[in-house]
């Protein structure tokens, strides 16, 4: 069987950069979900010290011979996934307007100009327009409650399920309405 794991990519003076495959991302998210459900590892605002070493151990079991190390590989990917998750959650949150979520494609949908204006004040969102982010729902379980605050704050999964229940009660009248059902529109969360 052929090894389909990442290979280091030469990046010149800065050393090598590790490119994660979709399979490696899938398994990392599975491991994060395992740790998020384990009281020995989950902390108030993230994970307890040493969690990346535990992730390395879990990944080696799921992907034998992958060579993914806690530092720098897992630490870097964890930070990237957390940053992207938070940027998307902000775009879909109550302080943004005009953003939607295409649940079929697992991506933020928004008009180009609205997005460009948003990125000026939210640089972590750069590159996330029309980019698939297949682990958003799973990462809501890992990162979601780390940022929620206020009386009306909801876990991203709860908000998504509530919105879906509301949409189930509406019967689409044409193809355009059916297409809209795949979007979780931020405007409907008010």
C-alpha atoms as a PDB file:
ATOM      1  CA  UNK A   1       0.000   0.000   0.000  1.00  0.00           C
ATOM      2  CA  UNK A   2       1.313   3.401  -1.001  1.00  0.00           C
ATOM      3  CA  UNK A   3       2.051   6.034   1.653  1.00  0.00           C
ATOM      4  CA  UNK A   4      -0.360   8.943   1.156  1.00  0.00           C
ATOM      5  CA  UNK A   5       0.938  11.016   4.044  1.00  0.00           C
ATOM      6  CA  UNK A   6       2.370  14.492   3.842  1.00  0.00           C
ATOM      7  CA  UNK A   7       5.845  15.145   2.643  1.00  0.00           C
ATOM      8  CA  UNK A   8       7.847  18.163   3.779  1.00  0.00           C
ATOM      9  CA  UNK A   9       7.927  20.957   1.217  1.00  0.00           C
ATOM     10  CA  UNK A  10      11.134  22.960   0.806  1.00  0.00           C
ATOM     11  CA  UNK A  11      10.544  26.569   1.769  1.00  0.00           C
ATOM     12  CA  UNK A  12      14.037  27.973   1.280  1.00  0.00           C
ATOM     13  CA  UNK A  13      15.693  29.882   4.108  1.00  0.00           C
ATOM     14  CA  UNK A  14      12.793  29.264   6.480  1.00  0.00           C
ATOM     15  CA  UNK A  15      13.323  25.503   6.411  1.00  0.00           C
ATOM     16  CA  UNK A  16      10.621  23.036   5.406  1.00  0.00           C
ATOM     17  CA  UNK A  17       6.879  23.407   5.581  1.00  0.00           C
ATOM     18  CA  UNK A  18       4.618  20.472   6.348  1.00  0.00           C
ATOM     19  CA  UNK A  19       1.613  20.165   4.007  1.00  0.00           C
ATOM     20  CA  UNK A  20      -1.328  18.364   5.647  1.00  0.00           C
ATOM     21  CA  UNK A  21      -3.413  15.981   3.516  1.00  0.00           C
ATOM     22  CA  UNK A  22      -7.209  15.799   3.795  1.00  0.00           C
ATOM     23  CA  UNK A  23      -6.875  12.395   5.481  1.00  0.00           C
ATOM     24  CA  UNK A  24      -4.442  13.769   8.062  1.00  0.00           C
ATOM     25  CA  UNK A  25      -6.781  16.689   8.773  1.00  0.00           C
ATOM     26  CA  UNK A  26      -9.705  14.258   9.159  1.00  0.00           C
ATOM     27  CA  UNK A  27      -7.770  12.160  11.656  1.00  0.00           C
ATOM     28  CA  UNK A  28      -6.501  15.207  13.563  1.00  0.00           C
ATOM     29  CA  UNK A  29     -10.070  16.447  13.980  1.00  0.00           C
ATOM     30  CA  UNK A  30     -11.141  12.966  15.139  1.00  0.00           C
ATOM     31  CA  UNK A  31      -8.372  13.081  17.758  1.00  0.00           C
ATOM     32  CA  UNK A  32      -9.346  16.607  18.832  1.00  0.00           C
ATOM     33  CA  UNK A  33     -12.925  15.409  19.326  1.00  0.00           C
ATOM     34  CA  UNK A  34     -11.642  12.530  21.460  1.00  0.00           C
ATOM     35  CA  UNK A  35      -9.661  14.908  23.662  1.00  0.00           C
ATOM     36  CA  UNK A  36     -12.505  17.422  23.849  1.00  0.00           C
ATOM     37  CA  UNK A  37     -14.703  14.685  25.300  1.00  0.00           C
ATOM     38  CA  UNK A  38     -12.085  13.564  27.828  1.00  0.00           C
ATOM     39  CA  UNK A  39     -12.143  15.437  31.155  1.00  0.00           C
ATOM     40  CA  UNK A  40      -8.471  14.562  31.639  1.00  0.00           C
ATOM     41  CA  UNK A  41      -7.548  16.773  28.672  1.00  0.00           C
ATOM     42  CA  UNK A  42     -10.254  19.415  28.231  1.00  0.00           C
ATOM     43  CA  UNK A  43      -9.733  22.666  30.139  1.00  0.00           C
ATOM     44  CA  UNK A  44     -11.918  25.740  30.604  1.00  0.00           C
ATOM     45  CA  UNK A  45     -10.597  27.542  27.518  1.00  0.00           C
ATOM     46  CA  UNK A  46      -9.063  24.782  25.426  1.00  0.00           C
ATOM     47  CA  UNK A  47      -6.881  21.878  26.438  1.00  0.00           C
ATOM     48  CA  UNK A  48      -4.518  21.113  29.280  1.00  0.00           C
ATOM     49  CA  UNK A  49      -0.738  21.269  28.908  1.00  0.00           C
ATOM     50  CA  UNK A  50       0.740  18.391  26.963  1.00  0.00           C
ATOM     51  CA  UNK A  51      -2.296  17.839  24.741  1.00  0.00           C
ATOM     52  CA  UNK A  52      -0.261  18.062  21.530  1.00  0.00           C
ATOM     53  CA  UNK A  53       1.922  15.140  22.672  1.00  0.00           C
ATOM     54  CA  UNK A  54      -1.282  13.153  23.281  1.00  0.00           C
ATOM     55  CA  UNK A  55      -2.526  14.133  19.811  1.00  0.00           C
ATOM     56  CA  UNK A  56       0.782  12.911  18.331  1.00  0.00           C
ATOM     57  CA  UNK A  57       0.275   9.563  20.073  1.00  0.00           C
ATOM     58  CA  UNK A  58      -3.341   9.258  18.872  1.00  0.00           C
ATOM     59  CA  UNK A  59      -2.420  10.217  15.293  1.00  0.00           C
ATOM     60  CA  UNK A  60       0.354   7.628  15.194  1.00  0.00           C
ATOM     61  CA  UNK A  61      -2.233   4.954  16.076  1.00  0.00           C
ATOM     62  CA  UNK A  62      -4.653   6.154  13.389  1.00  0.00           C
ATOM     63  CA  UNK A  63      -1.978   6.844  10.748  1.00  0.00           C
ATOM     64  CA  UNK A  64       0.976   4.532  11.466  1.00  0.00           C
ATOM     65  CA  UNK A  65       4.240   5.887  10.108  1.00  0.00           C
ATOM     66  CA  UNK A  66       2.858   9.336   9.330  1.00  0.00           C
ATOM     67  CA  UNK A  67       5.697  11.091  11.152  1.00  0.00           C
ATOM     68  CA  UNK A  68       3.509  13.933  12.407  1.00  0.00           C
ATOM     69  CA  UNK A  69       5.109  15.483  15.481  1.00  0.00           C
ATOM     70  CA  UNK A  70       3.554  17.516  18.287  1.00  0.00           C
ATOM     71  CA  UNK A  71       6.003  20.314  17.619  1.00  0.00           C
ATOM     72  CA  UNK A  72       5.894  21.926  15.163  1.00  0.00           C
ATOM     73  CA  UNK A  73       3.318  20.045  13.031  1.00  0.00           C
ATOM     74  CA  UNK A  74       0.353  19.578  15.372  1.00  0.00           C
ATOM     75  CA  UNK A  75       0.879  22.863  17.215  1.00  0.00           C
ATOM     76  CA  UNK A  76       0.882  24.779  13.946  1.00  0.00           C
ATOM     77  CA  UNK A  77      -2.122  22.983  12.432  1.00  0.00           C
ATOM     78  CA  UNK A  78      -4.104  23.314  15.663  1.00  0.00           C
ATOM     79  CA  UNK A  79      -3.510  27.083  15.679  1.00  0.00           C
ATOM     80  CA  UNK A  80      -4.485  27.342  12.007  1.00  0.00           C
ATOM     81  CA  UNK A  81      -7.703  25.339  12.449  1.00  0.00           C
ATOM     82  CA  UNK A  82      -8.633  27.340  15.566  1.00  0.00           C
ATOM     83  CA  UNK A  83      -7.957  30.649  13.785  1.00  0.00           C
ATOM     84  CA  UNK A  84     -10.009  29.618  10.735  1.00  0.00           C
ATOM     85  CA  UNK A  85     -12.852  28.252  12.868  1.00  0.00           C
ATOM     86  CA  UNK A  86     -13.032  31.467  14.897  1.00  0.00           C
ATOM     87  CA  UNK A  87     -12.922  33.636  11.765  1.00  0.00           C
ATOM     88  CA  UNK A  88     -15.833  31.695  10.256  1.00  0.00           C
ATOM     89  CA  UNK A  89     -17.779  31.734  13.526  1.00  0.00           C
ATOM     90  CA  UNK A  90     -17.318  35.526  13.670  1.00  0.00           C
ATOM     91  CA  UNK A  91     -18.598  35.909  10.102  1.00  0.00           C
ATOM     92  CA  UNK A  92     -21.693  33.886  10.988  1.00  0.00           C
ATOM     93  CA  UNK A  93     -22.175  35.579  14.342  1.00  0.00           C
ATOM     94  CA  UNK A  94     -24.387  38.435  15.486  1.00  0.00           C
ATOM     95  CA  UNK A  95     -21.821  41.165  14.719  1.00  0.00           C
ATOM     96  CA  UNK A  96     -21.742  40.445  10.982  1.00  0.00           C
ATOM     97  CA  UNK A  97     -24.278  40.891   8.215  1.00  0.00           C
ATOM     98  CA  UNK A  98     -24.585  39.433   4.744  1.00  0.00           C
ATOM     99  CA  UNK A  99     -22.763  36.188   5.467  1.00  0.00           C
ATOM    100  CA  UNK A 100     -24.246  32.743   5.005  1.00  0.00           C
ATOM    101  CA  UNK A 101     -23.177  29.143   5.394  1.00  0.00           C
ATOM    102  CA  UNK A 102     -23.632  26.623   2.595  1.00  0.00           C
ATOM    103  CA  UNK A 103     -23.996  23.393   4.533  1.00  0.00           C
ATOM    104  CA  UNK A 104     -23.737  21.221   1.415  1.00  0.00           C
ATOM    105  CA  UNK A 105     -20.384  22.700   0.394  1.00  0.00           C
ATOM    106  CA  UNK A 106     -19.286  23.512   3.973  1.00  0.00           C
ATOM    107  CA  UNK A 107     -18.232  27.066   3.196  1.00  0.00           C
ATOM    108  CA  UNK A 108     -19.007  30.693   3.926  1.00  0.00           C
ATOM    109  CA  UNK A 109     -20.947  32.392   1.163  1.00  0.00           C
ATOM    110  CA  UNK A 110     -20.992  36.150   0.828  1.00  0.00           C
ATOM    111  CA  UNK A 111     -20.828  38.807  -1.833  1.00  0.00           C
ATOM    112  CA  UNK A 112     -17.273  39.695  -2.794  1.00  0.00           C
ATOM    113  CA  UNK A 113     -17.458  43.353  -1.714  1.00  0.00           C
ATOM    114  CA  UNK A 114     -18.948  42.530   1.700  1.00  0.00           C
ATOM    115  CA  UNK A 115     -16.167  40.010   2.260  1.00  0.00           C
ATOM    116  CA  UNK A 116     -13.415  42.380   1.156  1.00  0.00           C
ATOM    117  CA  UNK A 117     -14.737  45.048   3.527  1.00  0.00           C
ATOM    118  CA  UNK A 118     -14.897  42.505   6.374  1.00  0.00           C
ATOM    119  CA  UNK A 119     -11.319  41.304   5.854  1.00  0.00           C
ATOM    120  CA  UNK A 120     -10.002  44.854   6.297  1.00  0.00           C
ATOM    121  CA  UNK A 121     -10.962  44.674   9.962  1.00  0.00           C
ATOM    122  CA  UNK A 122     -10.704  40.888  10.363  1.00  0.00           C
ATOM    123  CA  UNK A 123      -7.487  39.720   8.656  1.00  0.00           C
ATOM    124  CA  UNK A 124      -7.850  36.138   9.927  1.00  0.00           C
ATOM    125  CA  UNK A 125     -10.785  35.742   7.539  1.00  0.00           C
ATOM    126  CA  UNK A 126      -8.576  36.327   4.490  1.00  0.00           C
ATOM    127  CA  UNK A 127      -8.913  33.486   1.998  1.00  0.00           C
ATOM    128  CA  UNK A 128     -11.997  31.917   3.608  1.00  0.00           C
ATOM    129  CA  UNK A 129     -14.594  33.173   1.116  1.00  0.00           C
ATOM    130  CA  UNK A 130     -15.864  30.230  -0.951  1.00  0.00           C
ATOM    131  CA  UNK A 131     -13.237  27.976   0.648  1.00  0.00           C
ATOM    132  CA  UNK A 132     -14.404  24.593   1.902  1.00  0.00           C
ATOM    133  CA  UNK A 133     -14.037  24.103   5.649  1.00  0.00           C
ATOM    134  CA  UNK A 134     -15.418  20.562   6.091  1.00  0.00           C
ATOM    135  CA  UNK A 135     -14.742  20.296   9.814  1.00  0.00           C
ATOM    136  CA  UNK A 136     -16.648  23.393  10.962  1.00  0.00           C
ATOM    137  CA  UNK A 137     -19.363  21.439  12.793  1.00  0.00           C
ATOM    138  CA  UNK A 138     -16.867  19.128  14.512  1.00  0.00           C
ATOM    139  CA  UNK A 139     -14.600  22.005  15.462  1.00  0.00           C
ATOM    140  CA  UNK A 140     -17.587  23.783  17.006  1.00  0.00           C
ATOM    141  CA  UNK A 141     -17.531  20.973  19.573  1.00  0.00           C
ATOM    142  CA  UNK A 142     -13.810  21.499  20.123  1.00  0.00           C
ATOM    143  CA  UNK A 143     -13.593  25.323  20.042  1.00  0.00           C
ATOM    144  CA  UNK A 144     -17.184  26.555  20.124  1.00  0.00           C
ATOM    145  CA  UNK A 145     -17.757  27.190  23.806  1.00  0.00           C
ATOM    146  CA  UNK A 146     -14.315  28.750  24.248  1.00  0.00           C
ATOM    147  CA  UNK A 147     -15.621  32.120  23.013  1.00  0.00           C
ATOM    148  CA  UNK A 148     -19.360  32.275  23.651  1.00  0.00           C
ATOM    149  CA  UNK A 149     -20.481  34.851  26.185  1.00  0.00           C
ATOM    150  CA  UNK A 150     -23.566  36.814  27.101  1.00  0.00           C
ATOM    151  CA  UNK A 151     -27.132  35.846  27.895  1.00  0.00           C
ATOM    152  CA  UNK A 152     -28.034  34.897  24.359  1.00  0.00           C
ATOM    153  CA  UNK A 153     -24.806  33.052  23.493  1.00  0.00           C
ATOM    154  CA  UNK A 154     -25.293  29.632  21.974  1.00  0.00           C
ATOM    155  CA  UNK A 155     -22.975  26.829  21.047  1.00  0.00           C
ATOM    156  CA  UNK A 156     -22.582  26.834  17.246  1.00  0.00           C
ATOM    157  CA  UNK A 157     -24.106  23.345  16.974  1.00  0.00           C
ATOM    158  CA  UNK A 158     -27.168  24.384  19.027  1.00  0.00           C
ATOM    159  CA  UNK A 159     -27.683  27.461  16.875  1.00  0.00           C
ATOM    160  CA  UNK A 160     -27.330  25.439  13.672  1.00  0.00           C
ATOM    161  CA  UNK A 161     -29.801  22.794  14.869  1.00  0.00           C
ATOM    162  CA  UNK A 162     -32.280  25.462  15.975  1.00  0.00           C
ATOM    163  CA  UNK A 163     -32.042  27.146  12.600  1.00  0.00           C
ATOM    164  CA  UNK A 164     -32.472  23.825  10.785  1.00  0.00           C
ATOM    165  CA  UNK A 165     -35.603  23.057  12.836  1.00  0.00           C
ATOM    166  CA  UNK A 166     -37.042  26.415  11.842  1.00  0.00           C
ATOM    167  CA  UNK A 167     -36.311  25.760   8.181  1.00  0.00           C
ATOM    168  CA  UNK A 168     -37.900  22.282   8.307  1.00  0.00           C
ATOM    169  CA  UNK A 169     -41.211  23.926   9.136  1.00  0.00           C
ATOM    170  CA  UNK A 170     -41.091  25.952   5.928  1.00  0.00           C
ATOM    171  CA  UNK A 171     -41.970  24.201   2.675  1.00  0.00           C
ATOM    172  CA  UNK A 172     -40.016  25.436  -0.351  1.00  0.00           C
ATOM    173  CA  UNK A 173     -42.181  26.588  -3.227  1.00  0.00           C
ATOM    174  CA  UNK A 174     -39.654  26.448  -6.057  1.00  0.00           C
ATOM    175  CA  UNK A 175     -36.115  25.445  -6.962  1.00  0.00           C
ATOM    176  CA  UNK A 176     -34.647  28.744  -5.694  1.00  0.00           C
ATOM    177  CA  UNK A 177     -36.310  28.230  -2.316  1.00  0.00           C
ATOM    178  CA  UNK A 178     -35.011  24.648  -2.177  1.00  0.00           C
ATOM    179  CA  UNK A 179     -31.479  25.922  -2.858  1.00  0.00           C
ATOM    180  CA  UNK A 180     -31.801  28.437   0.005  1.00  0.00           C
ATOM    181  CA  UNK A 181     -32.482  25.579   2.444  1.00  0.00           C
ATOM    182  CA  UNK A 182     -28.853  24.501   2.213  1.00  0.00           C
ATOM    183  CA  UNK A 183     -27.709  27.894   3.551  1.00  0.00           C
ATOM    184  CA  UNK A 184     -27.638  28.713   7.210  1.00  0.00           C
ATOM    185  CA  UNK A 185     -28.014  32.444   6.859  1.00  0.00           C
ATOM    186  CA  UNK A 186     -26.643  34.628   9.586  1.00  0.00           C
ATOM    187  CA  UNK A 187     -29.432  37.138   9.014  1.00  0.00           C
ATOM    188  CA  UNK A 188     -31.959  34.627  10.354  1.00  0.00           C
ATOM    189  CA  UNK A 189     -30.196  34.368  13.738  1.00  0.00           C
ATOM    190  CA  UNK A 190     -31.481  37.728  14.988  1.00  0.00           C
END
